[in-house]
């Protein structure tokens, strides 16, 4: 999908959700998606 985030046990809170820089938790992914939507982006 257009909005694709990666989460990995070795991820980082500073990650951007890409395969090379995954997030550390599912909660971070949820928050990143919420931030996009609150910023005015429409879910693809």
ModelCIF file with pLDDT and N, C-alpha, C, O atoms, coordinates in Angstrom:
data_MODEL
#
_entry.id   MODEL 
#
_entity.id                         1 
_entity.type                       polymer 
_entity.pdbx_number_of_molecules   1 
#
_entity_poly.entity_id                      1 
_entity_poly.type                           'polypeptide(L)' 
_entity_poly.nstd_linkage                   no 
_entity_poly.nstd_monomer                   no 
_entity_poly.pdbx_seq_one_letter_code       
;(UNK)(UNK)(UNK)(UNK)(UNK)(UNK)(UNK)(UNK)(UNK)(UNK)(UNK)(UNK)(UNK)(UNK)(UNK)(UNK)
(UNK)(UNK)(UNK)(UNK)(UNK)(UNK)(UNK)(UNK)(UNK)(UNK)(UNK)(UNK)(UNK)(UNK)(UNK)(UNK)
(UNK)(UNK)(UNK)(UNK)(UNK)(UNK)(UNK)(UNK)(UNK)(UNK)(UNK)(UNK)
;
_entity_poly.pdbx_seq_one_letter_code_can   XXXXXXXXXXXXXXXXXXXXXXXXXXXXXXXXXXXXXXXXXXXX 
_entity_poly.pdbx_strand_id                 A 
#
loop_
_entity_poly_seq.entity_id 
_entity_poly_seq.num 
_entity_poly_seq.mon_id 
_entity_poly_seq.hetero 
1 1  UNK n 
1 2  UNK n 
1 3  UNK n 
1 4  UNK n 
1 5  UNK n 
1 6  UNK n 
1 7  UNK n 
1 8  UNK n 
1 9  UNK n 
1 10 UNK n 
1 11 UNK n 
1 12 UNK n 
1 13 UNK n 
1 14 UNK n 
1 15 UNK n 
1 16 UNK n 
1 17 UNK n 
1 18 UNK n 
1 19 UNK n 
1 20 UNK n 
1 21 UNK n 
1 22 UNK n 
1 23 UNK n 
1 24 UNK n 
1 25 UNK n 
1 26 UNK n 
1 27 UNK n 
1 28 UNK n 
1 29 UNK n 
1 30 UNK n 
1 31 UNK n 
1 32 UNK n 
1 33 UNK n 
1 34 UNK n 
1 35 UNK n 
1 36 UNK n 
1 37 UNK n 
1 38 UNK n 
1 39 UNK n 
1 40 UNK n 
1 41 UNK n 
1 42 UNK n 
1 43 UNK n 
1 44 UNK n 
#
_struct_asym.id          A 
_struct_asym.entity_id   1 
#
loop_
_ma_qa_metric.id 
_ma_qa_metric.mode 
_ma_qa_metric.name 
_ma_qa_metric.software_group_id 
_ma_qa_metric.type 
1 global pLDDT . pLDDT 
2 local  pLDDT . pLDDT 
#
_ma_qa_metric_global.metric_id      1 
_ma_qa_metric_global.metric_value   91.86 
_ma_qa_metric_global.model_id       1 
_ma_qa_metric_global.ordinal_id     1 
#
loop_
_ma_qa_metric_local.label_asym_id 
_ma_qa_metric_local.label_comp_id 
_ma_qa_metric_local.label_seq_id 
_ma_qa_metric_local.metric_id 
_ma_qa_metric_local.metric_value 
_ma_qa_metric_local.model_id 
_ma_qa_metric_local.ordinal_id 
A UNK 1  2 64.00 1 1  
A UNK 2  2 72.00 1 2  
A UNK 3  2 88.00 1 3  
A UNK 4  2 92.00 1 4  
A UNK 5  2 94.00 1 5  
A UNK 6  2 96.00 1 6  
A UNK 7  2 97.00 1 7  
A UNK 8  2 97.00 1 8  
A UNK 9  2 95.00 1 9  
A UNK 10 2 94.00 1 10 
A UNK 11 2 95.00 1 11 
A UNK 12 2 93.00 1 12 
A UNK 13 2 90.00 1 13 
A UNK 14 2 94.00 1 14 
A UNK 15 2 95.00 1 15 
A UNK 16 2 93.00 1 16 
A UNK 17 2 94.00 1 17 
A UNK 18 2 94.00 1 18 
A UNK 19 2 94.00 1 19 
A UNK 20 2 95.00 1 20 
A UNK 21 2 96.00 1 21 
A UNK 22 2 97.00 1 22 
A UNK 23 2 96.00 1 23 
A UNK 24 2 95.00 1 24 
A UNK 25 2 95.00 1 25 
A UNK 26 2 94.00 1 26 
A UNK 27 2 95.00 1 27 
A UNK 28 2 96.00 1 28 
A UNK 29 2 95.00 1 29 
A UNK 30 2 95.00 1 30 
A UNK 31 2 96.00 1 31 
A UNK 32 2 94.00 1 32 
A UNK 33 2 93.00 1 33 
A UNK 34 2 93.00 1 34 
A UNK 35 2 93.00 1 35 
A UNK 36 2 89.00 1 36 
A UNK 37 2 89.00 1 37 
A UNK 38 2 91.00 1 38 
A UNK 39 2 90.00 1 39 
A UNK 40 2 91.00 1 40 
A UNK 41 2 87.00 1 41 
A UNK 42 2 86.00 1 42 
A UNK 43 2 85.00 1 43 
A UNK 44 2 85.00 1 44 
#
loop_
_atom_site.group_PDB 
_atom_site.id 
_atom_site.type_symbol 
_atom_site.label_atom_id 
_atom_site.label_alt_id 
_atom_site.label_comp_id 
_atom_site.label_asym_id 
_atom_site.label_entity_id 
_atom_site.label_seq_id 
_atom_site.pdbx_PDB_ins_code 
_atom_site.Cartn_x 
_atom_site.Cartn_y 
_atom_site.Cartn_z 
_atom_site.occupancy 
_atom_site.B_iso_or_equiv 
_atom_site.pdbx_formal_charge 
_atom_site.auth_seq_id 
_atom_site.auth_comp_id 
_atom_site.auth_asym_id 
_atom_site.auth_atom_id 
_atom_site.pdbx_PDB_model_num 
ATOM 1   N N  . UNK A 1 1  ? 0.837  -1.188 0.000  1.00 64.00 ? 1  UNK A N  1 
ATOM 2   C CA . UNK A 1 1  ? 0.000  0.000  0.000  1.00 64.00 ? 1  UNK A CA 1 
ATOM 3   C C  . UNK A 1 1  ? 0.875  1.243  0.000  1.00 64.00 ? 1  UNK A C  1 
ATOM 4   O O  . UNK A 1 1  ? 2.084  1.168  0.222  1.00 64.00 ? 1  UNK A O  1 
ATOM 5   N N  . UNK A 1 2  ? 0.252  2.380  -0.250 1.00 72.00 ? 2  UNK A N  1 
ATOM 6   C CA . UNK A 1 2  ? 0.987  3.641  -0.257 1.00 72.00 ? 2  UNK A CA 1 
ATOM 7   C C  . UNK A 1 2  ? 1.522  3.958  1.131  1.00 72.00 ? 2  UNK A C  1 
ATOM 8   O O  . UNK A 1 2  ? 2.602  4.533  1.270  1.00 72.00 ? 2  UNK A O  1 
ATOM 9   N N  . UNK A 1 3  ? 0.773  3.587  2.148  1.00 88.00 ? 3  UNK A N  1 
ATOM 10  C CA . UNK A 1 3  ? 1.208  3.808  3.528  1.00 88.00 ? 3  UNK A CA 1 
ATOM 11  C C  . UNK A 1 3  ? 1.700  2.468  4.062  1.00 88.00 ? 3  UNK A C  1 
ATOM 12  O O  . UNK A 1 3  ? 0.903  1.610  4.438  1.00 88.00 ? 3  UNK A O  1 
ATOM 13  N N  . UNK A 1 4  ? 2.997  2.299  4.091  1.00 92.00 ? 4  UNK A N  1 
ATOM 14  C CA . UNK A 1 4  ? 3.591  1.042  4.518  1.00 92.00 ? 4  UNK A CA 1 
ATOM 15  C C  . UNK A 1 4  ? 4.652  1.327  5.569  1.00 92.00 ? 4  UNK A C  1 
ATOM 16  O O  . UNK A 1 4  ? 5.590  2.086  5.326  1.00 92.00 ? 4  UNK A O  1 
ATOM 17  N N  . UNK A 1 5  ? 4.500  0.712  6.745  1.00 94.00 ? 5  UNK A N  1 
ATOM 18  C CA . UNK A 1 5  ? 5.458  0.897  7.819  1.00 94.00 ? 5  UNK A CA 1 
ATOM 19  C C  . UNK A 1 5  ? 6.012  -0.456 8.257  1.00 94.00 ? 5  UNK A C  1 
ATOM 20  O O  . UNK A 1 5  ? 5.311  -1.468 8.227  1.00 94.00 ? 5  UNK A O  1 
ATOM 21  N N  . UNK A 1 6  ? 7.261  -0.456 8.656  1.00 96.00 ? 6  UNK A N  1 
ATOM 22  C CA . UNK A 1 6  ? 7.916  -1.672 9.138  1.00 96.00 ? 6  UNK A CA 1 
ATOM 23  C C  . UNK A 1 6  ? 8.211  -1.534 10.629 1.00 96.00 ? 6  UNK A C  1 
ATOM 24  O O  . UNK A 1 6  ? 8.623  -0.475 11.102 1.00 96.00 ? 6  UNK A O  1 
ATOM 25  N N  . UNK A 1 7  ? 7.989  -2.629 11.359 1.00 97.00 ? 7  UNK A N  1 
ATOM 26  C CA . UNK A 1 7  ? 8.255  -2.699 12.790 1.00 97.00 ? 7  UNK A CA 1 
ATOM 27  C C  . UNK A 1 7  ? 9.128  -3.925 13.023 1.00 97.00 ? 7  UNK A C  1 
ATOM 28  O O  . UNK A 1 7  ? 8.854  -4.995 12.479 1.00 97.00 ? 7  UNK A O  1 
ATOM 29  N N  . UNK A 1 8  ? 10.166 -3.777 13.819 1.00 97.00 ? 8  UNK A N  1 
ATOM 30  C CA . UNK A 1 8  ? 11.065 -4.899 14.088 1.00 97.00 ? 8  UNK A CA 1 
ATOM 31  C C  . UNK A 1 8  ? 11.564 -4.823 15.525 1.00 97.00 ? 8  UNK A C  1 
ATOM 32  O O  . UNK A 1 8  ? 11.698 -3.732 16.079 1.00 97.00 ? 8  UNK A O  1 
ATOM 33  N N  . UNK A 1 9  ? 11.841 -5.981 16.133 1.00 95.00 ? 9  UNK A N  1 
ATOM 34  C CA . UNK A 1 9  ? 12.358 -5.982 17.498 1.00 95.00 ? 9  UNK A CA 1 
ATOM 35  C C  . UNK A 1 9  ? 13.654 -5.177 17.630 1.00 95.00 ? 9  UNK A C  1 
ATOM 36  O O  . UNK A 1 9  ? 13.929 -4.614 18.690 1.00 95.00 ? 9  UNK A O  1 
ATOM 37  N N  . UNK A 1 10 ? 14.439 -5.122 16.568 1.00 94.00 ? 10 UNK A N  1 
ATOM 38  C CA . UNK A 1 10 ? 15.690 -4.353 16.583 1.00 94.00 ? 10 UNK A CA 1 
ATOM 39  C C  . UNK A 1 10 ? 15.475 -2.917 16.104 1.00 94.00 ? 10 UNK A C  1 
ATOM 40  O O  . UNK A 1 10 ? 16.438 -2.168 15.937 1.00 94.00 ? 10 UNK A O  1 
ATOM 41  N N  . UNK A 1 11 ? 14.198 -2.526 15.880 1.00 95.00 ? 11 UNK A N  1 
ATOM 42  C CA . UNK A 1 11 ? 13.877 -1.186 15.407 1.00 95.00 ? 11 UNK A CA 1 
ATOM 43  C C  . UNK A 1 11 ? 14.204 -0.121 16.444 1.00 95.00 ? 11 UNK A C  1 
ATOM 44  O O  . UNK A 1 11 ? 14.620 -0.417 17.564 1.00 95.00 ? 11 UNK A O  1 
ATOM 45  N N  . UNK A 1 12 ? 14.004 1.114  16.038 1.00 93.00 ? 12 UNK A N  1 
ATOM 46  C CA . UNK A 1 12 ? 14.365 2.240  16.894 1.00 93.00 ? 12 UNK A CA 1 
ATOM 47  C C  . UNK A 1 12 ? 13.193 3.202  17.036 1.00 93.00 ? 12 UNK A C  1 
ATOM 48  O O  . UNK A 1 12 ? 12.428 3.391  16.090 1.00 93.00 ? 12 UNK A O  1 
ATOM 49  N N  . UNK A 1 13 ? 13.047 3.813  18.210 1.00 90.00 ? 13 UNK A N  1 
ATOM 50  C CA . UNK A 1 13 ? 12.042 4.860  18.352 1.00 90.00 ? 13 UNK A CA 1 
ATOM 51  C C  . UNK A 1 13 ? 12.297 6.011  17.377 1.00 90.00 ? 13 UNK A C  1 
ATOM 52  O O  . UNK A 1 13 ? 11.375 6.753  17.037 1.00 90.00 ? 13 UNK A O  1 
ATOM 53  N N  . UNK A 1 14 ? 13.540 6.159  16.927 1.00 94.00 ? 14 UNK A N  1 
ATOM 54  C CA . UNK A 1 14 ? 13.884 7.207  15.965 1.00 94.00 ? 14 UNK A CA 1 
ATOM 55  C C  . UNK A 1 14 ? 13.745 6.719  14.521 1.00 94.00 ? 14 UNK A C  1 
ATOM 56  O O  . UNK A 1 14 ? 14.013 7.475  13.587 1.00 94.00 ? 14 UNK A O  1 
ATOM 57  N N  . UNK A 1 15 ? 13.329 5.461  14.331 1.00 95.00 ? 15 UNK A N  1 
ATOM 58  C CA . UNK A 1 15 ? 13.172 4.921  12.987 1.00 95.00 ? 15 UNK A CA 1 
ATOM 59  C C  . UNK A 1 15 ? 12.080 5.649  12.226 1.00 95.00 ? 15 UNK A C  1 
ATOM 60  O O  . UNK A 1 15 ? 11.229 6.312  12.818 1.00 95.00 ? 15 UNK A O  1 
ATOM 61  N N  . UNK A 1 16 ? 12.114 5.518  10.904 1.00 93.00 ? 16 UNK A N  1 
ATOM 62  C CA . UNK A 1 16 ? 11.096 6.170  10.082 1.00 93.00 ? 16 UNK A CA 1 
ATOM 63  C C  . UNK A 1 16 ? 10.080 5.181  9.495  1.00 93.00 ? 16 UNK A C  1 
ATOM 64  O O  . UNK A 1 16 ? 9.208  5.571  8.719  1.00 93.00 ? 16 UNK A O  1 
ATOM 65  N N  . UNK A 1 17 ? 10.197 3.903  9.869  1.00 94.00 ? 17 UNK A N  1 
ATOM 66  C CA . UNK A 1 17 ? 9.243  2.902  9.399  1.00 94.00 ? 17 UNK A CA 1 
ATOM 67  C C  . UNK A 1 17 ? 9.599  2.263  8.070  1.00 94.00 ? 17 UNK A C  1 
ATOM 68  O O  . UNK A 1 17 ? 8.821  1.473  7.535  1.00 94.00 ? 17 UNK A O  1 
ATOM 69  N N  . UNK A 1 18 ? 10.760 2.592  7.533  1.00 94.00 ? 18 UNK A N  1 
ATOM 70  C CA . UNK A 1 18 ? 11.212 1.954  6.301  1.00 94.00 ? 18 UNK A CA 1 
ATOM 71  C C  . UNK A 1 18 ? 11.863 0.617  6.653  1.00 94.00 ? 18 UNK A C  1 
ATOM 72  O O  . UNK A 1 18 ? 12.181 0.384  7.819  1.00 94.00 ? 18 UNK A O  1 
ATOM 73  N N  . UNK A 1 19 ? 12.068 -0.265 5.672  1.00 94.00 ? 19 UNK A N  1 
ATOM 74  C CA . UNK A 1 19 ? 12.731 -1.536 5.971  1.00 94.00 ? 19 UNK A CA 1 
ATOM 75  C C  . UNK A 1 19 ? 14.133 -1.335 6.557  1.00 94.00 ? 19 UNK A C  1 
ATOM 76  O O  . UNK A 1 19 ? 14.572 -2.124 7.394  1.00 94.00 ? 19 UNK A O  1 
ATOM 77  N N  . UNK A 1 20 ? 14.827 -0.294 6.126  1.00 95.00 ? 20 UNK A N  1 
ATOM 78  C CA . UNK A 1 20 ? 16.181 -0.035 6.626  1.00 95.00 ? 20 UNK A CA 1 
ATOM 79  C C  . UNK A 1 20 ? 16.178 0.603  8.010  1.00 95.00 ? 20 UNK A C  1 
ATOM 80  O O  . UNK A 1 20 ? 17.141 0.453  8.761  1.00 95.00 ? 20 UNK A O  1 
ATOM 81  N N  . UNK A 1 21 ? 15.095 1.320  8.357  1.00 96.00 ? 21 UNK A N  1 
ATOM 82  C CA . UNK A 1 21 ? 15.019 2.010  9.651  1.00 96.00 ? 21 UNK A CA 1 
ATOM 83  C C  . UNK A 1 21 ? 13.647 1.756  10.277 1.00 96.00 ? 21 UNK A C  1 
ATOM 84  O O  . UNK A 1 21 ? 12.843 2.679  10.410 1.00 96.00 ? 21 UNK A O  1 
ATOM 85  N N  . UNK A 1 22 ? 13.377 0.490  10.665 1.00 97.00 ? 22 UNK A N  1 
ATOM 86  C CA . UNK A 1 22 ? 12.053 0.144  11.184 1.00 97.00 ? 22 UNK A CA 1 
ATOM 87  C C  . UNK A 1 22 ? 11.775 0.791  12.542 1.00 97.00 ? 22 UNK A C  1 
ATOM 88  O O  . UNK A 1 22 ? 12.683 1.168  13.281 1.00 97.00 ? 22 UNK A O  1 
ATOM 89  N N  . UNK A 1 23 ? 10.500 0.898  12.828 1.00 96.00 ? 23 UNK A N  1 
ATOM 90  C CA . UNK A 1 23 ? 10.063 1.341  14.150 1.00 96.00 ? 23 UNK A CA 1 
ATOM 91  C C  . UNK A 1 23 ? 10.258 0.193  15.132 1.00 96.00 ? 23 UNK A C  1 
ATOM 92  O O  . UNK A 1 23 ? 10.447 -0.952 14.721 1.00 96.00 ? 23 UNK A O  1 
ATOM 93  N N  . UNK A 1 24 ? 10.213 0.495  16.427 1.00 95.00 ? 24 UNK A N  1 
ATOM 94  C CA . UNK A 1 24 ? 10.466 -0.524 17.448 1.00 95.00 ? 24 UNK A CA 1 
ATOM 95  C C  . UNK A 1 24 ? 9.193  -1.186 17.963 1.00 95.00 ? 24 UNK A C  1 
ATOM 96  O O  . UNK A 1 24 ? 9.242  -2.314 18.454 1.00 95.00 ? 24 UNK A O  1 
ATOM 97  N N  . UNK A 1 25 ? 8.047  -0.499 17.860 1.00 95.00 ? 25 UNK A N  1 
ATOM 98  C CA . UNK A 1 25 ? 6.819  -1.053 18.432 1.00 95.00 ? 25 UNK A CA 1 
ATOM 99  C C  . UNK A 1 25 ? 5.615  -0.833 17.519 1.00 95.00 ? 25 UNK A C  1 
ATOM 100 O O  . UNK A 1 25 ? 5.605  0.058  16.670 1.00 95.00 ? 25 UNK A O  1 
ATOM 101 N N  . UNK A 1 26 ? 4.621  -1.660 17.718 1.00 94.00 ? 26 UNK A N  1 
ATOM 102 C CA . UNK A 1 26 ? 3.355  -1.521 16.985 1.00 94.00 ? 26 UNK A CA 1 
ATOM 103 C C  . UNK A 1 26 ? 2.705  -0.189 17.369 1.00 94.00 ? 26 UNK A C  1 
ATOM 104 O O  . UNK A 1 26 ? 2.078  0.459  16.531 1.00 94.00 ? 26 UNK A O  1 
ATOM 105 N N  . UNK A 1 27 ? 2.851  0.213  18.610 1.00 95.00 ? 27 UNK A N  1 
ATOM 106 C CA . UNK A 1 27 ? 2.278  1.476  19.058 1.00 95.00 ? 27 UNK A CA 1 
ATOM 107 C C  . UNK A 1 27 ? 2.888  2.656  18.296 1.00 95.00 ? 27 UNK A C  1 
ATOM 108 O O  . UNK A 1 27 ? 2.184  3.618  17.987 1.00 95.00 ? 27 UNK A O  1 
ATOM 109 N N  . UNK A 1 28 ? 4.171  2.593  17.995 1.00 96.00 ? 28 UNK A N  1 
ATOM 110 C CA . UNK A 1 28 ? 4.809  3.657  17.214 1.00 96.00 ? 28 UNK A CA 1 
ATOM 111 C C  . UNK A 1 28 ? 4.228  3.702  15.802 1.00 96.00 ? 28 UNK A C  1 
ATOM 112 O O  . UNK A 1 28 ? 4.025  4.782  15.247 1.00 96.00 ? 28 UNK A O  1 
ATOM 113 N N  . UNK A 1 29 ? 3.961  2.540  15.226 1.00 95.00 ? 29 UNK A N  1 
ATOM 114 C CA . UNK A 1 29 ? 3.356  2.496  13.898 1.00 95.00 ? 29 UNK A CA 1 
ATOM 115 C C  . UNK A 1 29 ? 1.955  3.107  13.946 1.00 95.00 ? 29 UNK A C  1 
ATOM 116 O O  . UNK A 1 29 ? 1.592  3.901  13.079 1.00 95.00 ? 29 UNK A O  1 
ATOM 117 N N  . UNK A 1 30 ? 1.176  2.740  14.950 1.00 95.00 ? 30 UNK A N  1 
ATOM 118 C CA . UNK A 1 30 ? -0.162 3.309  15.115 1.00 95.00 ? 30 UNK A CA 1 
ATOM 119 C C  . UNK A 1 30 ? -0.087 4.830  15.218 1.00 95.00 ? 30 UNK A C  1 
ATOM 120 O O  . UNK A 1 30 ? -0.837 5.546  14.555 1.00 95.00 ? 30 UNK A O  1 
ATOM 121 N N  . UNK A 1 31 ? 0.822  5.310  16.051 1.00 96.00 ? 31 UNK A N  1 
ATOM 122 C CA . UNK A 1 31 ? 0.950  6.751  16.244 1.00 96.00 ? 31 UNK A CA 1 
ATOM 123 C C  . UNK A 1 31 ? 1.395  7.462  14.965 1.00 96.00 ? 31 UNK A C  1 
ATOM 124 O O  . UNK A 1 31 ? 0.935  8.566  14.674 1.00 96.00 ? 31 UNK A O  1 
ATOM 125 N N  . UNK A 1 32 ? 2.289  6.829  14.204 1.00 94.00 ? 32 UNK A N  1 
ATOM 126 C CA . UNK A 1 32 ? 2.749  7.424  12.942 1.00 94.00 ? 32 UNK A CA 1 
ATOM 127 C C  . UNK A 1 32 ? 1.592  7.549  11.958 1.00 94.00 ? 32 UNK A C  1 
ATOM 128 O O  . UNK A 1 32 ? 1.471  8.560  11.266 1.00 94.00 ? 32 UNK A O  1 
ATOM 129 N N  . UNK A 1 33 ? 0.744  6.529  11.892 1.00 93.00 ? 33 UNK A N  1 
ATOM 130 C CA . UNK A 1 33 ? -0.421 6.592  11.002 1.00 93.00 ? 33 UNK A CA 1 
ATOM 131 C C  . UNK A 1 33 ? -1.407 7.653  11.474 1.00 93.00 ? 33 UNK A C  1 
ATOM 132 O O  . UNK A 1 33 ? -1.967 8.381  10.654 1.00 93.00 ? 33 UNK A O  1 
ATOM 133 N N  . UNK A 1 34 ? -1.624 7.748  12.759 1.00 93.00 ? 34 UNK A N  1 
ATOM 134 C CA . UNK A 1 34 ? -2.519 8.782  13.304 1.00 93.00 ? 34 UNK A CA 1 
ATOM 135 C C  . UNK A 1 34 ? -1.986 10.176 12.992 1.00 93.00 ? 34 UNK A C  1 
ATOM 136 O O  . UNK A 1 34 ? -2.751 11.073 12.638 1.00 93.00 ? 34 UNK A O  1 
ATOM 137 N N  . UNK A 1 35 ? -0.680 10.355 13.123 1.00 93.00 ? 35 UNK A N  1 
ATOM 138 C CA . UNK A 1 35 ? -0.075 11.659 12.845 1.00 93.00 ? 35 UNK A CA 1 
ATOM 139 C C  . UNK A 1 35 ? -0.292 12.054 11.390 1.00 93.00 ? 35 UNK A C  1 
ATOM 140 O O  . UNK A 1 35 ? -0.590 13.213 11.102 1.00 93.00 ? 35 UNK A O  1 
ATOM 141 N N  . UNK A 1 36 ? -0.146 11.115 10.482 1.00 89.00 ? 36 UNK A N  1 
ATOM 142 C CA . UNK A 1 36 ? -0.392 11.402 9.064  1.00 89.00 ? 36 UNK A CA 1 
ATOM 143 C C  . UNK A 1 36 ? -1.833 11.849 8.850  1.00 89.00 ? 36 UNK A C  1 
ATOM 144 O O  . UNK A 1 36 ? -2.089 12.833 8.155  1.00 89.00 ? 36 UNK A O  1 
ATOM 145 N N  . UNK A 1 37 ? -2.764 11.128 9.446  1.00 89.00 ? 37 UNK A N  1 
ATOM 146 C CA . UNK A 1 37 ? -4.180 11.465 9.271  1.00 89.00 ? 37 UNK A CA 1 
ATOM 147 C C  . UNK A 1 37 ? -4.521 12.793 9.920  1.00 89.00 ? 37 UNK A C  1 
ATOM 148 O O  . UNK A 1 37 ? -5.270 13.584 9.346  1.00 89.00 ? 37 UNK A O  1 
ATOM 149 N N  . UNK A 1 38 ? -3.984 13.055 11.113 1.00 91.00 ? 38 UNK A N  1 
ATOM 150 C CA . UNK A 1 38 ? -4.245 14.327 11.783 1.00 91.00 ? 38 UNK A CA 1 
ATOM 151 C C  . UNK A 1 38 ? -3.613 15.495 11.031 1.00 91.00 ? 38 UNK A C  1 
ATOM 152 O O  . UNK A 1 38 ? -4.070 16.633 11.141 1.00 91.00 ? 38 UNK A O  1 
ATOM 153 N N  . UNK A 1 39 ? -2.567 15.209 10.270 1.00 90.00 ? 39 UNK A N  1 
ATOM 154 C CA . UNK A 1 39 ? -1.909 16.225 9.455  1.00 90.00 ? 39 UNK A CA 1 
ATOM 155 C C  . UNK A 1 39 ? -2.673 16.546 8.183  1.00 90.00 ? 39 UNK A C  1 
ATOM 156 O O  . UNK A 1 39 ? -2.250 17.391 7.395  1.00 90.00 ? 39 UNK A O  1 
ATOM 157 N N  . UNK A 1 40 ? -3.803 15.868 7.980  1.00 91.00 ? 40 UNK A N  1 
ATOM 158 C CA . UNK A 1 40 ? -4.634 16.149 6.819  1.00 91.00 ? 40 UNK A CA 1 
ATOM 159 C C  . UNK A 1 40 ? -4.531 15.135 5.697  1.00 91.00 ? 40 UNK A C  1 
ATOM 160 O O  . UNK A 1 40 ? -5.244 15.247 4.699  1.00 91.00 ? 40 UNK A O  1 
ATOM 161 N N  . UNK A 1 41 ? -3.668 14.157 5.837  1.00 87.00 ? 41 UNK A N  1 
ATOM 162 C CA . UNK A 1 41 ? -3.537 13.143 4.785  1.00 87.00 ? 41 UNK A CA 1 
ATOM 163 C C  . UNK A 1 41 ? -4.763 12.229 4.792  1.00 87.00 ? 41 UNK A C  1 
ATOM 164 O O  . UNK A 1 41 ? -5.319 11.919 5.845  1.00 87.00 ? 41 UNK A O  1 
ATOM 165 N N  . UNK A 1 42 ? -5.164 11.814 3.614  1.00 86.00 ? 42 UNK A N  1 
ATOM 166 C CA . UNK A 1 42 ? -6.284 10.896 3.467  1.00 86.00 ? 42 UNK A CA 1 
ATOM 167 C C  . UNK A 1 42 ? -5.745 9.490  3.289  1.00 86.00 ? 42 UNK A C  1 
ATOM 168 O O  . UNK A 1 42 ? -4.804 9.268  2.526  1.00 86.00 ? 42 UNK A O  1 
ATOM 169 N N  . UNK A 1 43 ? -6.336 8.551  3.987  1.00 85.00 ? 43 UNK A N  1 
ATOM 170 C CA . UNK A 1 43 ? -5.919 7.157  3.862  1.00 85.00 ? 43 UNK A CA 1 
ATOM 171 C C  . UNK A 1 43 ? -6.078 6.728  2.406  1.00 85.00 ? 43 UNK A C  1 
ATOM 172 O O  . UNK A 1 43 ? -7.150 6.918  1.832  1.00 85.00 ? 43 UNK A O  1 
ATOM 173 N N  . UNK A 1 44 ? -5.046 6.160  1.797  1.00 85.00 ? 44 UNK A N  1 
ATOM 174 C CA . UNK A 1 44 ? -5.133 5.754  0.395  1.00 85.00 ? 44 UNK A CA 1 
ATOM 175 C C  . UNK A 1 44 ? -6.125 4.599  0.216  1.00 85.00 ? 44 UNK A C  1 
ATOM 176 O O  . UNK A 1 44 ? -6.327 4.126  -0.902 1.00 85.00 ? 44 UNK A O  1 
#
